[in-house]
């Protein structure tokens, strides 16, 4: 238990219990919690800013992979307080992170190129939801959505709860990586984000998925439903390799 808690310092006793079960160490949850508290492994909750309360209408549930993707940006620093931006693309059905693309600045054209690469890997999504950031409301993104026949929905201003799955992912990324690690440069940030993304998709237990990993849930759904019909499609664009050679998939 101490070894798991030392490696994953933001995991509570339930997730630590899942990790122990995967290694064959099964115990009653009451005993697990008692040992967890006796060893003083409790996670100190980080206080967030106060938010105004209001009515929250939940979004329709995505029932299959590719039914709805969510996009959002995160910010961080590296080196001598230089800023970097992270584009996160998530599949709302299986909670899988499809992309963590890092750079000092990211334009709408760069977002469109990243989406083209994701469509080749996972197939075309039925819809995409995002906030009203300038990168997502640019002409190149509007053109991309029209040409690809993808319904692009924008949340109401000041209503991040309308992309709740992505906000939850952002919180996990900040809590488990950004608040725990220092980035020395862009390449270091890309390496650490890629390692965390692999762990998030393939190892980390998700309580909303019955303590399964997102990649496992995707494989199960695709096995029974065949829900990635357009994945790995060929492209006629000769410039595709030049445009996407630095994508962070």
C-alpha atoms as a PDB file:
ATOM      1  CA  UNK A   1       0.000   0.000   0.000  1.00  0.00           C
ATOM      2  CA  UNK A   2       2.828   2.404   0.859  1.00  0.00           C
ATOM      3  CA  UNK A   3       4.561   1.636  -2.442  1.00  0.00           C
ATOM      4  CA  UNK A   4       1.409   2.406  -4.457  1.00  0.00           C
ATOM      5  CA  UNK A   5       0.708   5.560  -2.439  1.00  0.00           C
ATOM      6  CA  UNK A   6       4.292   6.760  -2.866  1.00  0.00           C
ATOM      7  CA  UNK A   7       4.093   6.342  -6.644  1.00  0.00           C
ATOM      8  CA  UNK A   8       0.551   7.709  -6.991  1.00  0.00           C
ATOM      9  CA  UNK A   9       0.370  10.372  -4.315  1.00  0.00           C
ATOM     10  CA  UNK A  10      -3.069  11.678  -5.323  1.00  0.00           C
ATOM     11  CA  UNK A  11      -4.831   8.280  -5.179  1.00  0.00           C
ATOM     12  CA  UNK A  12      -7.351   7.685  -2.391  1.00  0.00           C
ATOM     13  CA  UNK A  13      -7.792   4.376  -0.578  1.00  0.00           C
ATOM     14  CA  UNK A  14     -10.399   3.076  -3.053  1.00  0.00           C
ATOM     15  CA  UNK A  15      -8.125   3.425  -6.082  1.00  0.00           C
ATOM     16  CA  UNK A  16      -5.187   2.060  -4.080  1.00  0.00           C
ATOM     17  CA  UNK A  17      -7.402  -0.929  -3.239  1.00  0.00           C
ATOM     18  CA  UNK A  18      -8.090  -1.519  -6.941  1.00  0.00           C
ATOM     19  CA  UNK A  19      -4.369  -1.413  -7.712  1.00  0.00           C
ATOM     20  CA  UNK A  20      -3.696  -3.919  -4.911  1.00  0.00           C
ATOM     21  CA  UNK A  21      -6.453  -6.228  -6.182  1.00  0.00           C
ATOM     22  CA  UNK A  22      -4.754  -6.285  -9.590  1.00  0.00           C
ATOM     23  CA  UNK A  23      -1.683  -7.670  -7.820  1.00  0.00           C
ATOM     24  CA  UNK A  24      -3.726 -10.340  -6.036  1.00  0.00           C
ATOM     25  CA  UNK A  25      -3.894  -8.604  -2.644  1.00  0.00           C
ATOM     26  CA  UNK A  26      -7.592  -8.478  -1.719  1.00  0.00           C
ATOM     27  CA  UNK A  27      -8.910  -7.243   1.610  1.00  0.00           C
ATOM     28  CA  UNK A  28     -12.119  -5.922   3.136  1.00  0.00           C
ATOM     29  CA  UNK A  29     -12.661  -2.233   2.405  1.00  0.00           C
ATOM     30  CA  UNK A  30     -12.962  -1.472   6.145  1.00  0.00           C
ATOM     31  CA  UNK A  31      -9.588  -3.037   6.847  1.00  0.00           C
ATOM     32  CA  UNK A  32      -8.126  -1.253   3.840  1.00  0.00           C
ATOM     33  CA  UNK A  33      -9.374   2.099   5.115  1.00  0.00           C
ATOM     34  CA  UNK A  34      -8.125   1.398   8.657  1.00  0.00           C
ATOM     35  CA  UNK A  35      -4.619   0.607   7.401  1.00  0.00           C
ATOM     36  CA  UNK A  36      -4.786   3.595   5.060  1.00  0.00           C
ATOM     37  CA  UNK A  37      -5.557   5.968   7.940  1.00  0.00           C
ATOM     38  CA  UNK A  38      -3.105   4.319  10.374  1.00  0.00           C
ATOM     39  CA  UNK A  39      -0.280   4.826   7.878  1.00  0.00           C
ATOM     40  CA  UNK A  40      -1.407   8.458   7.400  1.00  0.00           C
ATOM     41  CA  UNK A  41      -1.686   8.107   3.635  1.00  0.00           C
ATOM     42  CA  UNK A  42      -4.728  10.378   3.326  1.00  0.00           C
ATOM     43  CA  UNK A  43      -4.765  12.765   0.374  1.00  0.00           C
ATOM     44  CA  UNK A  44      -4.855  16.385   1.411  1.00  0.00           C
ATOM     45  CA  UNK A  45      -7.677  18.045  -0.474  1.00  0.00           C
ATOM     46  CA  UNK A  46      -6.682  21.146  -2.408  1.00  0.00           C
ATOM     47  CA  UNK A  47      -9.099  23.984  -1.846  1.00  0.00           C
ATOM     48  CA  UNK A  48     -10.623  25.456  -4.973  1.00  0.00           C
ATOM     49  CA  UNK A  49     -12.065  28.864  -5.531  1.00  0.00           C
ATOM     50  CA  UNK A  50     -15.693  29.515  -4.624  1.00  0.00           C
ATOM     51  CA  UNK A  51     -18.150  29.180  -7.488  1.00  0.00           C
ATOM     52  CA  UNK A  52     -21.606  30.587  -7.869  1.00  0.00           C
ATOM     53  CA  UNK A  53     -24.314  27.968  -7.585  1.00  0.00           C
ATOM     54  CA  UNK A  54     -26.987  27.629 -10.197  1.00  0.00           C
ATOM     55  CA  UNK A  55     -29.015  25.106 -12.164  1.00  0.00           C
ATOM     56  CA  UNK A  56     -26.912  22.500 -13.964  1.00  0.00           C
ATOM     57  CA  UNK A  57     -28.496  20.627 -16.864  1.00  0.00           C
ATOM     58  CA  UNK A  58     -26.581  17.411 -17.628  1.00  0.00           C
ATOM     59  CA  UNK A  59     -25.558  16.729 -21.219  1.00  0.00           C
ATOM     60  CA  UNK A  60     -27.031  13.710 -23.045  1.00  0.00           C
ATOM     61  CA  UNK A  61     -24.945  10.623 -22.365  1.00  0.00           C
ATOM     62  CA  UNK A  62     -22.605   9.403 -25.111  1.00  0.00           C
ATOM     63  CA  UNK A  63     -23.414   5.714 -25.538  1.00  0.00           C
ATOM     64  CA  UNK A  64     -20.706   4.650 -28.035  1.00  0.00           C
ATOM     65  CA  UNK A  65     -17.076   5.623 -28.661  1.00  0.00           C
ATOM     66  CA  UNK A  66     -16.923   8.410 -31.224  1.00  0.00           C
ATOM     67  CA  UNK A  67     -20.386   9.714 -30.433  1.00  0.00           C
ATOM     68  CA  UNK A  68     -19.052  12.878 -28.794  1.00  0.00           C
ATOM     69  CA  UNK A  69     -15.582  14.343 -28.329  1.00  0.00           C
ATOM     70  CA  UNK A  70     -14.769  17.164 -25.914  1.00  0.00           C
ATOM     71  CA  UNK A  71     -11.978  19.696 -26.468  1.00  0.00           C
ATOM     72  CA  UNK A  72     -10.346  22.057 -24.005  1.00  0.00           C
ATOM     73  CA  UNK A  73      -7.078  23.860 -23.299  1.00  0.00           C
ATOM     74  CA  UNK A  74      -4.875  23.796 -20.211  1.00  0.00           C
ATOM     75  CA  UNK A  75      -1.978  26.101 -19.371  1.00  0.00           C
ATOM     76  CA  UNK A  76       1.318  25.610 -17.562  1.00  0.00           C
ATOM     77  CA  UNK A  77       4.861  26.976 -17.446  1.00  0.00           C
ATOM     78  CA  UNK A  78       8.361  25.648 -18.122  1.00  0.00           C
ATOM     79  CA  UNK A  79      11.877  26.978 -17.880  1.00  0.00           C
ATOM     80  CA  UNK A  80      12.103  30.619 -16.815  1.00  0.00           C
ATOM     81  CA  UNK A  81       8.340  31.054 -16.440  1.00  0.00           C
ATOM     82  CA  UNK A  82       7.689  30.474 -20.135  1.00  0.00           C
ATOM     83  CA  UNK A  83       4.105  29.583 -20.912  1.00  0.00           C
ATOM     84  CA  UNK A  84       2.916  26.425 -22.615  1.00  0.00           C
ATOM     85  CA  UNK A  85      -0.524  25.284 -23.720  1.00  0.00           C
ATOM     86  CA  UNK A  86      -1.982  21.795 -23.793  1.00  0.00           C
ATOM     87  CA  UNK A  87      -4.832  20.744 -26.089  1.00  0.00           C
ATOM     88  CA  UNK A  88      -6.831  17.871 -24.577  1.00  0.00           C
ATOM     89  CA  UNK A  89      -9.257  15.829 -26.691  1.00  0.00           C
ATOM     90  CA  UNK A  90     -11.410  13.261 -24.873  1.00  0.00           C
ATOM     91  CA  UNK A  91     -14.000  10.684 -25.881  1.00  0.00           C
ATOM     92  CA  UNK A  92     -16.972  11.269 -23.556  1.00  0.00           C
ATOM     93  CA  UNK A  93     -18.251   7.685 -23.805  1.00  0.00           C
ATOM     94  CA  UNK A  94     -15.234   5.714 -22.561  1.00  0.00           C
ATOM     95  CA  UNK A  95     -13.447   8.682 -20.898  1.00  0.00           C
ATOM     96  CA  UNK A  96     -10.386   7.977 -23.033  1.00  0.00           C
ATOM     97  CA  UNK A  97      -7.943  10.788 -23.706  1.00  0.00           C
ATOM     98  CA  UNK A  98      -7.312  10.820 -27.446  1.00  0.00           C
ATOM     99  CA  UNK A  99      -4.725  13.579 -27.523  1.00  0.00           C
ATOM    100  CA  UNK A 100      -2.500  15.752 -25.330  1.00  0.00           C
ATOM    101  CA  UNK A 101      -0.811  18.160 -27.735  1.00  0.00           C
ATOM    102  CA  UNK A 102       1.718  20.573 -26.215  1.00  0.00           C
ATOM    103  CA  UNK A 103       3.272  23.756 -27.597  1.00  0.00           C
ATOM    104  CA  UNK A 104       4.042  27.333 -26.637  1.00  0.00           C
ATOM    105  CA  UNK A 105       1.055  28.478 -28.731  1.00  0.00           C
ATOM    106  CA  UNK A 106      -1.676  26.588 -30.572  1.00  0.00           C
ATOM    107  CA  UNK A 107      -3.701  28.120 -33.389  1.00  0.00           C
ATOM    108  CA  UNK A 108      -7.030  27.064 -34.860  1.00  0.00           C
ATOM    109  CA  UNK A 109      -5.200  25.633 -37.900  1.00  0.00           C
ATOM    110  CA  UNK A 110      -3.073  23.467 -35.596  1.00  0.00           C
ATOM    111  CA  UNK A 111      -6.215  22.210 -33.867  1.00  0.00           C
ATOM    112  CA  UNK A 112      -7.717  21.306 -37.257  1.00  0.00           C
ATOM    113  CA  UNK A 113      -4.604  19.332 -38.255  1.00  0.00           C
ATOM    114  CA  UNK A 114      -4.687  17.453 -34.961  1.00  0.00           C
ATOM    115  CA  UNK A 115      -8.355  16.606 -35.488  1.00  0.00           C
ATOM    116  CA  UNK A 116      -7.575  15.292 -38.988  1.00  0.00           C
ATOM    117  CA  UNK A 117      -5.025  12.908 -37.485  1.00  0.00           C
ATOM    118  CA  UNK A 118      -7.456  11.776 -34.778  1.00  0.00           C
ATOM    119  CA  UNK A 119     -10.156  11.083 -37.385  1.00  0.00           C
ATOM    120  CA  UNK A 120      -7.704   8.828 -39.219  1.00  0.00           C
ATOM    121  CA  UNK A 121      -7.016   6.878 -36.020  1.00  0.00           C
ATOM    122  CA  UNK A 122     -10.429   6.713 -34.355  1.00  0.00           C
ATOM    123  CA  UNK A 123     -12.932   7.558 -37.067  1.00  0.00           C
ATOM    124  CA  UNK A 124     -15.061  10.683 -37.425  1.00  0.00           C
ATOM    125  CA  UNK A 125     -16.997  11.756 -34.294  1.00  0.00           C
ATOM    126  CA  UNK A 126     -20.725  12.437 -34.535  1.00  0.00           C
ATOM    127  CA  UNK A 127     -20.299  15.679 -32.572  1.00  0.00           C
ATOM    128  CA  UNK A 128     -17.679  17.812 -30.820  1.00  0.00           C
ATOM    129  CA  UNK A 129     -18.257  20.085 -27.845  1.00  0.00           C
ATOM    130  CA  UNK A 130     -15.960  22.884 -26.656  1.00  0.00           C
ATOM    131  CA  UNK A 131     -15.944  26.293 -25.014  1.00  0.00           C
ATOM    132  CA  UNK A 132     -16.006  29.563 -26.949  1.00  0.00           C
ATOM    133  CA  UNK A 133     -12.234  30.085 -27.116  1.00  0.00           C
ATOM    134  CA  UNK A 134     -10.863  31.905 -30.133  1.00  0.00           C
ATOM    135  CA  UNK A 135      -9.106  28.760 -31.399  1.00  0.00           C
ATOM    136  CA  UNK A 136     -12.406  26.871 -31.493  1.00  0.00           C
ATOM    137  CA  UNK A 137     -14.442  29.701 -33.044  1.00  0.00           C
ATOM    138  CA  UNK A 138     -11.923  30.549 -35.770  1.00  0.00           C
ATOM    139  CA  UNK A 139     -12.819  30.353 -39.447  1.00  0.00           C
ATOM    140  CA  UNK A 140     -10.562  27.361 -40.025  1.00  0.00           C
ATOM    141  CA  UNK A 141     -12.400  25.332 -37.367  1.00  0.00           C
ATOM    142  CA  UNK A 142     -15.818  26.340 -38.698  1.00  0.00           C
ATOM    143  CA  UNK A 143     -14.646  25.300 -42.171  1.00  0.00           C
ATOM    144  CA  UNK A 144     -13.291  22.011 -40.848  1.00  0.00           C
ATOM    145  CA  UNK A 145     -16.582  21.159 -39.113  1.00  0.00           C
ATOM    146  CA  UNK A 146     -18.589  21.975 -42.244  1.00  0.00           C
ATOM    147  CA  UNK A 147     -16.370  20.016 -44.613  1.00  0.00           C
ATOM    148  CA  UNK A 148     -16.311  16.962 -42.340  1.00  0.00           C
ATOM    149  CA  UNK A 149     -20.018  17.069 -41.472  1.00  0.00           C
ATOM    150  CA  UNK A 150     -19.366  17.179 -37.715  1.00  0.00           C
ATOM    151  CA  UNK A 151     -21.827  18.954 -35.401  1.00  0.00           C
ATOM    152  CA  UNK A 152     -19.770  21.382 -33.316  1.00  0.00           C
ATOM    153  CA  UNK A 153     -21.497  22.556 -30.139  1.00  0.00           C
ATOM    154  CA  UNK A 154     -20.332  25.462 -27.983  1.00  0.00           C
ATOM    155  CA  UNK A 155     -21.160  25.583 -24.285  1.00  0.00           C
ATOM    156  CA  UNK A 156     -22.875  28.592 -22.763  1.00  0.00           C
ATOM    157  CA  UNK A 157     -20.429  31.249 -21.502  1.00  0.00           C
ATOM    158  CA  UNK A 158     -19.501  30.624 -17.880  1.00  0.00           C
ATOM    159  CA  UNK A 159     -20.936  27.071 -17.896  1.00  0.00           C
ATOM    160  CA  UNK A 160     -17.939  24.690 -17.793  1.00  0.00           C
ATOM    161  CA  UNK A 161     -20.208  22.031 -16.252  1.00  0.00           C
ATOM    162  CA  UNK A 162     -21.608  21.493 -19.759  1.00  0.00           C
ATOM    163  CA  UNK A 163     -18.310  19.758 -20.592  1.00  0.00           C
ATOM    164  CA  UNK A 164     -18.163  18.001 -17.241  1.00  0.00           C
ATOM    165  CA  UNK A 165     -16.150  14.984 -18.435  1.00  0.00           C
ATOM    166  CA  UNK A 166     -13.384  17.174 -19.815  1.00  0.00           C
ATOM    167  CA  UNK A 167     -13.361  19.369 -16.706  1.00  0.00           C
ATOM    168  CA  UNK A 168     -13.013  16.218 -14.599  1.00  0.00           C
ATOM    169  CA  UNK A 169     -10.122  15.073 -16.802  1.00  0.00           C
ATOM    170  CA  UNK A 170      -8.464  18.487 -16.495  1.00  0.00           C
ATOM    171  CA  UNK A 171      -8.740  18.269 -12.721  1.00  0.00           C
ATOM    172  CA  UNK A 172      -7.064  14.856 -12.681  1.00  0.00           C
ATOM    173  CA  UNK A 173      -4.284  16.083 -14.974  1.00  0.00           C
ATOM    174  CA  UNK A 174      -3.598  19.113 -12.802  1.00  0.00           C
ATOM    175  CA  UNK A 175      -3.818  17.168  -9.550  1.00  0.00           C
ATOM    176  CA  UNK A 176      -1.764  14.123 -10.539  1.00  0.00           C
ATOM    177  CA  UNK A 177       0.801  15.618 -12.928  1.00  0.00           C
ATOM    178  CA  UNK A 178       0.954  19.397 -13.255  1.00  0.00           C
ATOM    179  CA  UNK A 179       0.956  20.002  -9.484  1.00  0.00           C
ATOM    180  CA  UNK A 180       3.443  17.181  -8.936  1.00  0.00           C
ATOM    181  CA  UNK A 181       6.012  17.737 -11.706  1.00  0.00           C
ATOM    182  CA  UNK A 182       8.190  20.565 -13.037  1.00  0.00           C
ATOM    183  CA  UNK A 183       8.669  20.911 -16.797  1.00  0.00           C
ATOM    184  CA  UNK A 184      12.198  21.864 -17.861  1.00  0.00           C
ATOM    185  CA  UNK A 185      11.389  22.426 -21.541  1.00  0.00           C
ATOM    186  CA  UNK A 186       8.785  21.625 -24.172  1.00  0.00           C
ATOM    187  CA  UNK A 187      10.306  18.222 -24.926  1.00  0.00           C
ATOM    188  CA  UNK A 188      10.293  17.353 -21.217  1.00  0.00           C
ATOM    189  CA  UNK A 189       6.639  18.405 -20.968  1.00  0.00           C
ATOM    190  CA  UNK A 190       5.726  16.277 -24.005  1.00  0.00           C
ATOM    191  CA  UNK A 191       7.523  13.249 -22.565  1.00  0.00           C
ATOM    192  CA  UNK A 192       5.902  13.504 -19.121  1.00  0.00           C
ATOM    193  CA  UNK A 193       2.440  14.170 -20.561  1.00  0.00           C
ATOM    194  CA  UNK A 194       2.779  11.191 -22.928  1.00  0.00           C
ATOM    195  CA  UNK A 195       3.719   8.882 -20.032  1.00  0.00           C
ATOM    196  CA  UNK A 196       0.842  10.168 -17.887  1.00  0.00           C
ATOM    197  CA  UNK A 197      -1.594   9.841 -20.792  1.00  0.00           C
ATOM    198  CA  UNK A 198      -0.628   6.197 -21.329  1.00  0.00           C
ATOM    199  CA  UNK A 199      -1.098   5.468 -17.634  1.00  0.00           C
ATOM    200  CA  UNK A 200      -4.435   7.331 -17.588  1.00  0.00           C
ATOM    201  CA  UNK A 201      -5.800   5.380 -20.570  1.00  0.00           C
ATOM    202  CA  UNK A 202      -4.408   1.921 -19.842  1.00  0.00           C
ATOM    203  CA  UNK A 203      -3.692   1.526 -16.114  1.00  0.00           C
ATOM    204  CA  UNK A 204      -5.446   4.085 -13.924  1.00  0.00           C
ATOM    205  CA  UNK A 205      -8.777   2.735 -12.550  1.00  0.00           C
ATOM    206  CA  UNK A 206     -11.814   4.949 -13.193  1.00  0.00           C
ATOM    207  CA  UNK A 207     -14.655   4.704 -10.705  1.00  0.00           C
ATOM    208  CA  UNK A 208     -17.190   5.867 -13.333  1.00  0.00           C
ATOM    209  CA  UNK A 209     -16.151   2.877 -15.509  1.00  0.00           C
ATOM    210  CA  UNK A 210     -16.411   0.255 -12.788  1.00  0.00           C
ATOM    211  CA  UNK A 211     -12.698   0.672 -11.977  1.00  0.00           C
ATOM    212  CA  UNK A 212     -11.700  -0.265 -15.508  1.00  0.00           C
ATOM    213  CA  UNK A 213      -9.281   1.684 -17.681  1.00  0.00           C
ATOM    214  CA  UNK A 214     -10.674   3.691 -20.633  1.00  0.00           C
ATOM    215  CA  UNK A 215      -8.756   1.697 -23.266  1.00  0.00           C
ATOM    216  CA  UNK A 216     -10.231  -1.529 -21.877  1.00  0.00           C
ATOM    217  CA  UNK A 217     -13.753  -0.103 -22.062  1.00  0.00           C
ATOM    218  CA  UNK A 218     -13.189   1.067 -25.657  1.00  0.00           C
ATOM    219  CA  UNK A 219     -11.961  -2.374 -26.733  1.00  0.00           C
ATOM    220  CA  UNK A 220     -14.990  -4.028 -25.130  1.00  0.00           C
ATOM    221  CA  UNK A 221     -17.468  -1.662 -26.810  1.00  0.00           C
ATOM    222  CA  UNK A 222     -15.791  -1.894 -30.210  1.00  0.00           C
ATOM    223  CA  UNK A 223     -15.651  -5.681 -29.994  1.00  0.00           C
ATOM    224  CA  UNK A 224     -19.419  -5.953 -29.553  1.00  0.00           C
ATOM    225  CA  UNK A 225     -20.563  -2.927 -31.550  1.00  0.00           C
ATOM    226  CA  UNK A 226     -17.832  -2.241 -34.096  1.00  0.00           C
ATOM    227  CA  UNK A 227     -17.945   1.460 -33.282  1.00  0.00           C
ATOM    228  CA  UNK A 228     -14.913   2.842 -35.160  1.00  0.00           C
ATOM    229  CA  UNK A 229     -15.943   2.457 -38.823  1.00  0.00           C
ATOM    230  CA  UNK A 230     -13.716   5.220 -40.196  1.00  0.00           C
ATOM    231  CA  UNK A 231     -10.538   4.508 -38.255  1.00  0.00           C
ATOM    232  CA  UNK A 232      -7.210   4.267 -40.077  1.00  0.00           C
ATOM    233  CA  UNK A 233      -8.782   5.479 -43.327  1.00  0.00           C
ATOM    234  CA  UNK A 234      -6.481   6.360 -46.205  1.00  0.00           C
ATOM    235  CA  UNK A 235      -6.012   9.955 -47.283  1.00  0.00           C
ATOM    236  CA  UNK A 236      -5.561  11.469 -50.732  1.00  0.00           C
ATOM    237  CA  UNK A 237      -3.727  14.514 -49.374  1.00  0.00           C
ATOM    238  CA  UNK A 238      -0.056  14.312 -50.394  1.00  0.00           C
ATOM    239  CA  UNK A 239       0.896  16.966 -47.815  1.00  0.00           C
ATOM    240  CA  UNK A 240      -0.560  14.997 -44.922  1.00  0.00           C
ATOM    241  CA  UNK A 241       2.793  13.712 -43.648  1.00  0.00           C
ATOM    242  CA  UNK A 242       4.309  17.192 -43.608  1.00  0.00           C
ATOM    243  CA  UNK A 243       1.346  18.671 -41.762  1.00  0.00           C
ATOM    244  CA  UNK A 244       1.121  16.053 -39.025  1.00  0.00           C
ATOM    245  CA  UNK A 245       4.671  14.878 -38.402  1.00  0.00           C
ATOM    246  CA  UNK A 246       4.790  16.452 -34.904  1.00  0.00           C
ATOM    247  CA  UNK A 247       1.373  15.409 -33.652  1.00  0.00           C
ATOM    248  CA  UNK A 248       1.299  14.252 -30.040  1.00  0.00           C
ATOM    249  CA  UNK A 249      -0.829  11.118 -30.216  1.00  0.00           C
END
